[in-house]
Amino acid sequence: MTEKNVEQGSNVTKKRIYMFALLIMLIVIIGASFKLFTSLNSKDVTEPVAVALPAAEVEERKIVEHVEEQQQEQSNQGLTEQIEPELTQTPDLHLVEVEPVKTLPQLNDSDLSVKTQLSQYFAKQTLKLVVQDDMIRRFVVYVDNIGKGKIAKKHSPIIEPQASFTVVEGDILTIAPQSYDRYTPFVELFTSMTPQQAVNFYREYKPLFDEAYEEIGYQERDFDDAVFDAIDMVLTTPIVTGNVPLLSESVVYKYAYSEWEQLPEAQKQLLRMGAKNVKKVKSALKGIKTFLETSE
């Protein structure tokens, strides 16, 4: 055998050895992979297998996790900043002060409450012209009678004038001017309240007025009707200017003109107040009537 043939045979032998070694390694790898796959799918495996990572890779993962946490915080902060204006931008709320509902006293105990309320409108000296007992009932009875053209003197809500009625005697008997003047303080009392104030006071105590009105027999009629009747009675009273001639009969005086003498008692009483005072009373009552009608 030549040297060349020996060398070729040696190369063939080496190749065979390499091929055999690769085949053995391939079998070992396949077997190990099959064993690993079988163990991972086994029911006996309960815990993950800890794999030791290189220190560099561990450090790299920590950096990545830290960056992700910062990004998540920034994302959350940005979301909060977007939502925050919606939470703070609330419409302006206008607080409305609600007045407490006033509890009315019992009708029998209402005088003090009524007097206290009237003292806000009348001076102390002027308020002395008002009768201060059973005030609600007096007003109701008096108004009811006025509406019928009568005068309920025993139930008058105001005191009697201090000065007496006087006349001027001459060829014709007439009412003295000072007789008109004695009613002026009462007219000033009545007109010192504005129509709106008078209606507000009336509405505030309306339940008590209604109760007193029912007591005198009007269960099915509203007291407002009686008030309007009384107002209309006053408004239809004629205004007499100049001297008012009278006739003297015994201890009483009568109007010389029959059209005045035939007027309802309430209207004849108004004539004794004088034209100036009657005009003021009518003007105030017109305003009160207007507010009563619009507040219904």
Protein backbone atom coordinates (compact mmCIF):
# COMPACT_ATOMS: atom_id res chain seq x y z
CA MET A 1 0.00 0.00 0.00
CA THR A 2 1.29 3.30 -0.95
CA GLU A 3 1.62 6.31 1.30
CA LYS A 4 -1.12 8.08 -0.58
CA ASN A 5 -3.58 5.28 -0.03
CA VAL A 6 -2.79 5.19 3.67
CA GLU A 7 -3.52 8.89 3.98
CA GLN A 8 -6.87 8.55 2.21
CA GLY A 9 -7.88 5.67 4.46
CA SER A 10 -7.02 7.70 7.51
CA ASN A 11 -9.25 10.58 6.36
CA VAL A 12 -12.15 8.24 5.75
CA THR A 13 -11.75 6.78 9.21
CA LYS A 14 -11.79 10.25 10.82
CA LYS A 15 -14.92 11.23 8.96
CA ARG A 16 -16.68 8.12 10.15
CA ILE A 17 -15.68 8.83 13.73
CA TYR A 18 -17.00 12.42 13.47
CA MET A 19 -20.26 11.25 11.96
CA PHE A 20 -20.68 8.66 14.71
CA ALA A 21 -20.00 11.26 17.43
CA LEU A 22 -22.54 13.71 15.93
CA LEU A 23 -25.11 10.93 15.78
CA ILE A 24 -24.53 10.08 19.45
CA MET A 25 -24.90 13.80 20.46
CA LEU A 26 -28.11 14.14 18.41
CA ILE A 27 -29.62 11.09 20.16
CA VAL A 28 -28.65 12.48 23.59
CA ILE A 29 -30.19 15.92 22.81
CA ILE A 30 -33.42 14.40 21.51
CA GLY A 31 -33.69 12.17 24.57
CA ALA A 32 -33.07 15.04 26.99
CA SER A 33 -35.64 17.21 25.22
CA PHE A 34 -38.23 14.49 25.38
CA LYS A 35 -37.57 13.95 29.11
CA LEU A 36 -37.83 17.71 29.83
CA PHE A 37 -41.12 18.01 27.87
CA THR A 38 -42.55 15.01 29.78
CA SER A 39 -41.56 16.42 33.20
CA LEU A 40 -43.10 19.84 32.45
CA ASN A 41 -46.45 18.25 31.60
CA SER A 42 -46.44 15.90 34.58
CA LYS A 43 -49.08 16.39 37.33
CA ASP A 44 -46.40 15.99 39.98
CA VAL A 45 -44.83 19.36 39.10
CA THR A 46 -46.20 21.97 41.59
CA GLU A 47 -43.54 24.67 41.66
CA PRO A 48 -41.68 26.51 38.93
CA VAL A 49 -38.07 25.67 38.47
CA ALA A 50 -35.76 28.45 39.56
CA VAL A 51 -33.36 29.41 36.83
CA ALA A 52 -30.29 31.31 37.76
CA LEU A 53 -29.75 34.24 35.41
CA PRO A 54 -26.49 35.96 34.83
CA ALA A 55 -25.89 39.03 36.96
CA ALA A 56 -25.81 41.32 33.92
CA GLU A 57 -29.20 40.09 32.74
CA VAL A 58 -30.69 40.51 36.25
CA GLU A 59 -29.41 44.07 36.41
CA GLU A 60 -30.81 44.77 32.95
CA ARG A 61 -34.25 43.48 33.99
CA LYS A 62 -34.23 45.70 37.10
CA ILE A 63 -33.50 48.74 34.93
CA VAL A 64 -36.30 47.81 32.52
CA GLU A 65 -38.78 47.29 35.38
CA HIS A 66 -37.78 50.65 36.94
CA VAL A 67 -38.30 52.45 33.64
CA GLU A 68 -41.69 50.77 33.19
CA GLU A 69 -42.74 51.83 36.72
CA GLN A 70 -41.76 55.47 35.98
CA GLN A 71 -43.70 55.38 32.73
CA GLN A 72 -46.75 53.95 34.53
CA GLU A 73 -46.55 56.70 37.21
CA GLN A 74 -46.28 59.39 34.54
CA SER A 75 -49.20 57.85 32.71
CA ASN A 76 -51.31 57.81 35.89
CA GLN A 77 -50.29 61.39 36.70
CA GLY A 78 -51.27 62.52 33.22
CA LEU A 79 -54.65 60.78 33.56
CA THR A 80 -55.22 62.51 36.91
CA GLU A 81 -54.37 65.89 35.41
CA GLN A 82 -56.87 65.25 32.63
CA ILE A 83 -59.66 64.22 34.98
CA GLU A 84 -58.97 66.84 37.65
CA PRO A 85 -60.43 69.85 35.77
CA GLU A 86 -63.69 67.95 35.27
CA LEU A 87 -63.93 67.36 39.00
CA THR A 88 -63.18 70.95 39.96
CA GLN A 89 -65.20 72.69 37.27
CA THR A 90 -68.55 72.66 39.02
CA PRO A 91 -71.29 75.19 38.27
CA ASP A 92 -71.69 78.11 40.63
CA LEU A 93 -74.40 77.40 43.20
CA HIS A 94 -76.54 80.32 44.28
CA LEU A 95 -77.66 79.90 47.86
CA VAL A 96 -81.23 81.00 48.41
CA GLU A 97 -82.14 82.14 51.85
CA VAL A 98 -85.39 80.55 52.86
CA GLU A 99 -87.31 82.41 55.45
CA PRO A 100 -88.51 80.17 58.26
CA VAL A 101 -92.21 79.56 58.31
CA LYS A 102 -93.78 81.59 61.08
CA THR A 103 -95.89 79.60 63.48
CA LEU A 104 -99.08 81.45 64.29
CA PRO A 105 -100.39 81.47 67.85
CA GLN A 106 -103.81 80.21 68.82
CA LEU A 107 -106.63 82.66 68.14
CA ASN A 108 -107.25 83.17 71.88
CA ASP A 109 -103.57 83.99 72.41
CA SER A 110 -102.95 86.08 69.30
CA ASP A 111 -103.14 89.62 70.73
CA LEU A 112 -99.47 89.84 71.73
CA SER A 113 -98.30 88.55 68.34
CA VAL A 114 -100.56 90.97 66.44
CA LYS A 115 -99.52 93.92 68.60
CA THR A 116 -95.83 93.09 68.13
CA GLN A 117 -96.27 92.90 64.39
CA LEU A 118 -98.19 96.19 64.20
CA SER A 119 -95.50 97.92 66.25
CA GLN A 120 -93.23 97.56 63.21
CA TYR A 121 -95.53 99.86 61.25
CA PHE A 122 -97.01 102.18 63.87
CA ALA A 123 -95.38 104.49 66.37
CA LYS A 124 -96.03 103.63 69.99
CA GLN A 125 -98.23 106.69 70.47
CA THR A 126 -100.24 105.93 67.33
CA LEU A 127 -100.68 102.28 68.32
CA LYS A 128 -102.55 103.43 71.42
CA LEU A 129 -105.49 104.25 69.15
CA VAL A 130 -105.97 100.50 68.54
CA VAL A 131 -108.02 98.43 70.97
CA GLN A 132 -105.58 95.75 72.10
CA ASP A 133 -107.81 92.93 73.29
CA ASP A 134 -109.35 90.27 71.06
CA MET A 135 -107.88 92.17 68.11
CA ILE A 136 -108.47 89.56 65.39
CA ARG A 137 -112.10 88.94 66.35
CA ARG A 138 -112.85 92.67 66.62
CA PHE A 139 -111.49 93.31 63.16
CA VAL A 140 -113.45 90.43 61.64
CA VAL A 141 -116.79 91.46 63.16
CA TYR A 142 -116.25 95.13 62.32
CA VAL A 143 -115.31 94.43 58.70
CA ASP A 144 -118.24 92.05 58.27
CA ASN A 145 -120.64 94.76 59.48
CA ILE A 146 -119.06 97.47 57.30
CA GLY A 147 -119.66 95.25 54.27
CA LYS A 148 -123.34 95.20 55.20
CA GLY A 149 -123.43 98.96 55.69
CA LYS A 150 -123.54 98.74 59.50
CA ILE A 151 -121.36 99.96 62.36
CA ALA A 152 -120.52 97.47 65.14
CA LYS A 153 -119.51 100.01 67.80
CA LYS A 154 -119.04 97.40 70.54
CA HIS A 155 -116.56 95.54 68.34
CA SER A 156 -114.68 98.54 66.98
CA PRO A 157 -110.94 97.81 66.55
CA ILE A 158 -110.11 101.45 67.37
CA ILE A 159 -110.96 103.59 70.39
CA GLU A 160 -113.60 106.30 70.25
CA PRO A 161 -112.42 109.81 69.32
CA GLN A 162 -111.67 111.88 72.43
CA ALA A 163 -113.27 115.06 71.09
CA SER A 164 -117.03 115.18 70.79
CA PHE A 165 -119.09 115.87 67.69
CA THR A 166 -119.81 119.59 67.31
CA VAL A 167 -121.95 121.73 65.03
CA VAL A 168 -122.09 125.32 63.87
CA GLU A 169 -125.39 126.93 64.62
CA GLY A 170 -126.67 129.71 62.38
CA ASP A 171 -129.27 130.15 59.73
CA ILE A 172 -128.29 126.63 58.65
CA LEU A 173 -127.05 124.00 61.07
CA THR A 174 -123.81 122.51 59.77
CA ILE A 175 -121.01 120.22 60.92
CA ALA A 176 -118.16 122.11 62.58
CA PRO A 177 -114.72 121.66 60.88
CA GLN A 178 -113.16 120.48 64.16
CA SER A 179 -115.55 117.52 64.09
CA TYR A 180 -113.69 116.32 60.99
CA ASP A 181 -110.31 116.90 62.62
CA ARG A 182 -111.00 114.42 65.40
CA TYR A 183 -110.82 111.58 62.84
CA THR A 184 -107.51 112.71 61.35
CA PRO A 185 -105.29 110.67 63.77
CA PHE A 186 -107.24 107.50 62.87
CA VAL A 187 -106.89 108.18 59.15
CA GLU A 188 -103.15 108.72 59.64
CA LEU A 189 -103.02 105.42 61.53
CA PHE A 190 -104.76 103.62 58.69
CA THR A 191 -102.68 105.19 55.92
CA SER A 192 -99.30 104.85 57.70
CA MET A 193 -99.06 101.32 56.31
CA THR A 194 -98.52 100.99 52.58
CA PRO A 195 -101.11 98.90 50.75
CA GLN A 196 -98.55 96.13 50.27
CA GLN A 197 -97.67 96.09 53.98
CA ALA A 198 -101.34 95.95 54.90
CA VAL A 199 -101.96 93.02 52.56
CA ASN A 200 -98.82 91.19 53.77
CA PHE A 201 -99.99 91.55 57.37
CA TYR A 202 -103.46 90.36 56.42
CA ARG A 203 -102.14 87.34 54.51
CA GLU A 204 -99.81 86.40 57.35
CA TYR A 205 -102.68 86.19 59.84
CA LYS A 206 -105.25 85.00 57.31
CA PRO A 207 -105.78 81.60 59.00
CA LEU A 208 -106.76 83.37 62.23
CA PHE A 209 -109.07 85.78 60.40
CA ASP A 210 -110.75 82.80 58.72
CA GLU A 211 -111.11 81.01 62.04
CA ALA A 212 -112.73 84.05 63.66
CA TYR A 213 -114.99 84.45 60.63
CA GLU A 214 -116.16 80.85 60.95
CA GLU A 215 -116.94 81.46 64.62
CA ILE A 216 -119.61 84.01 63.71
CA GLY A 217 -121.34 81.57 61.36
CA TYR A 218 -119.56 81.73 57.98
CA GLN A 219 -118.30 78.19 57.46
CA GLU A 220 -118.69 78.20 53.68
CA ARG A 221 -117.66 81.79 52.91
CA ASP A 222 -114.11 83.09 52.72
CA PHE A 223 -113.25 86.16 54.76
CA ASP A 224 -111.75 87.72 51.62
CA ASP A 225 -115.30 88.18 50.36
CA ALA A 226 -116.22 90.15 53.47
CA VAL A 227 -113.12 92.33 53.06
CA PHE A 228 -114.01 93.15 49.45
CA ASP A 229 -117.59 93.94 50.47
CA ALA A 230 -116.34 96.37 53.12
CA ILE A 231 -113.91 98.03 50.70
CA ASP A 232 -116.60 98.46 48.07
CA MET A 233 -118.94 99.97 50.66
CA VAL A 234 -116.35 102.63 51.49
CA LEU A 235 -115.40 103.29 47.85
CA THR A 236 -119.01 103.93 46.86
CA THR A 237 -119.48 106.50 49.63
CA PRO A 238 -120.09 109.96 48.15
CA ILE A 239 -117.59 112.72 48.90
CA VAL A 240 -119.35 115.79 50.23
CA THR A 241 -117.45 119.06 50.06
CA GLY A 242 -118.30 122.37 51.69
CA ASN A 243 -120.72 122.79 54.56
CA VAL A 244 -122.90 119.80 55.36
CA PRO A 245 -126.34 120.96 56.49
CA LEU A 246 -127.99 119.08 59.35
CA LEU A 247 -131.35 118.77 61.00
CA SER A 248 -131.67 118.55 64.77
CA GLU A 249 -134.21 116.09 66.09
CA SER A 250 -134.27 115.69 69.85
CA VAL A 251 -130.78 114.59 70.88
CA VAL A 252 -129.61 113.43 67.45
CA TYR A 253 -128.59 115.10 64.23
CA LYS A 254 -129.67 114.04 60.75
CA TYR A 255 -128.48 115.08 57.32
CA ALA A 256 -130.69 117.69 55.79
CA TYR A 257 -130.51 116.08 52.37
CA SER A 258 -132.49 112.85 52.13
CA GLU A 259 -130.00 111.22 49.70
CA TRP A 260 -127.37 111.44 52.44
CA GLU A 261 -129.68 110.46 55.26
CA GLN A 262 -130.75 107.36 53.35
CA LEU A 263 -127.19 106.13 52.96
CA PRO A 264 -126.14 103.02 54.91
CA GLU A 265 -125.02 103.76 58.47
CA ALA A 266 -121.41 103.00 57.58
CA GLN A 267 -121.37 105.54 54.77
CA LYS A 268 -123.06 108.21 56.89
CA GLN A 269 -120.35 107.71 59.47
CA LEU A 270 -117.73 108.26 56.78
CA LEU A 271 -119.33 111.56 55.82
CA ARG A 272 -118.69 112.78 59.35
CA MET A 273 -114.98 112.34 58.75
CA GLY A 274 -114.93 115.10 56.16
CA ALA A 275 -114.08 115.04 52.47
CA LYS A 276 -110.30 115.29 53.00
CA ASN A 277 -110.15 112.24 55.28
CA VAL A 278 -112.55 110.20 53.14
CA LYS A 279 -110.36 110.78 50.07
CA LYS A 280 -107.29 109.48 51.93
CA VAL A 281 -109.13 106.39 53.14
CA LYS A 282 -110.47 105.66 49.66
CA SER A 283 -107.05 106.04 48.09
CA ALA A 284 -105.51 103.58 50.59
CA LEU A 285 -108.33 101.07 50.11
CA LYS A 286 -107.98 101.17 46.32
CA GLY A 287 -104.34 100.17 46.71
CA ILE A 288 -105.19 97.43 49.19
CA LYS A 289 -107.88 96.04 46.90
CA THR A 290 -105.44 95.95 43.99
CA PHE A 291 -102.84 94.01 46.00
CA LEU A 292 -105.48 91.64 47.34
CA GLU A 293 -106.73 90.84 43.86
CA THR A 294 -103.24 90.29 42.43
CA SER A 295 -102.08 88.15 45.37
CA GLU A 296 -104.93 85.64 45.13
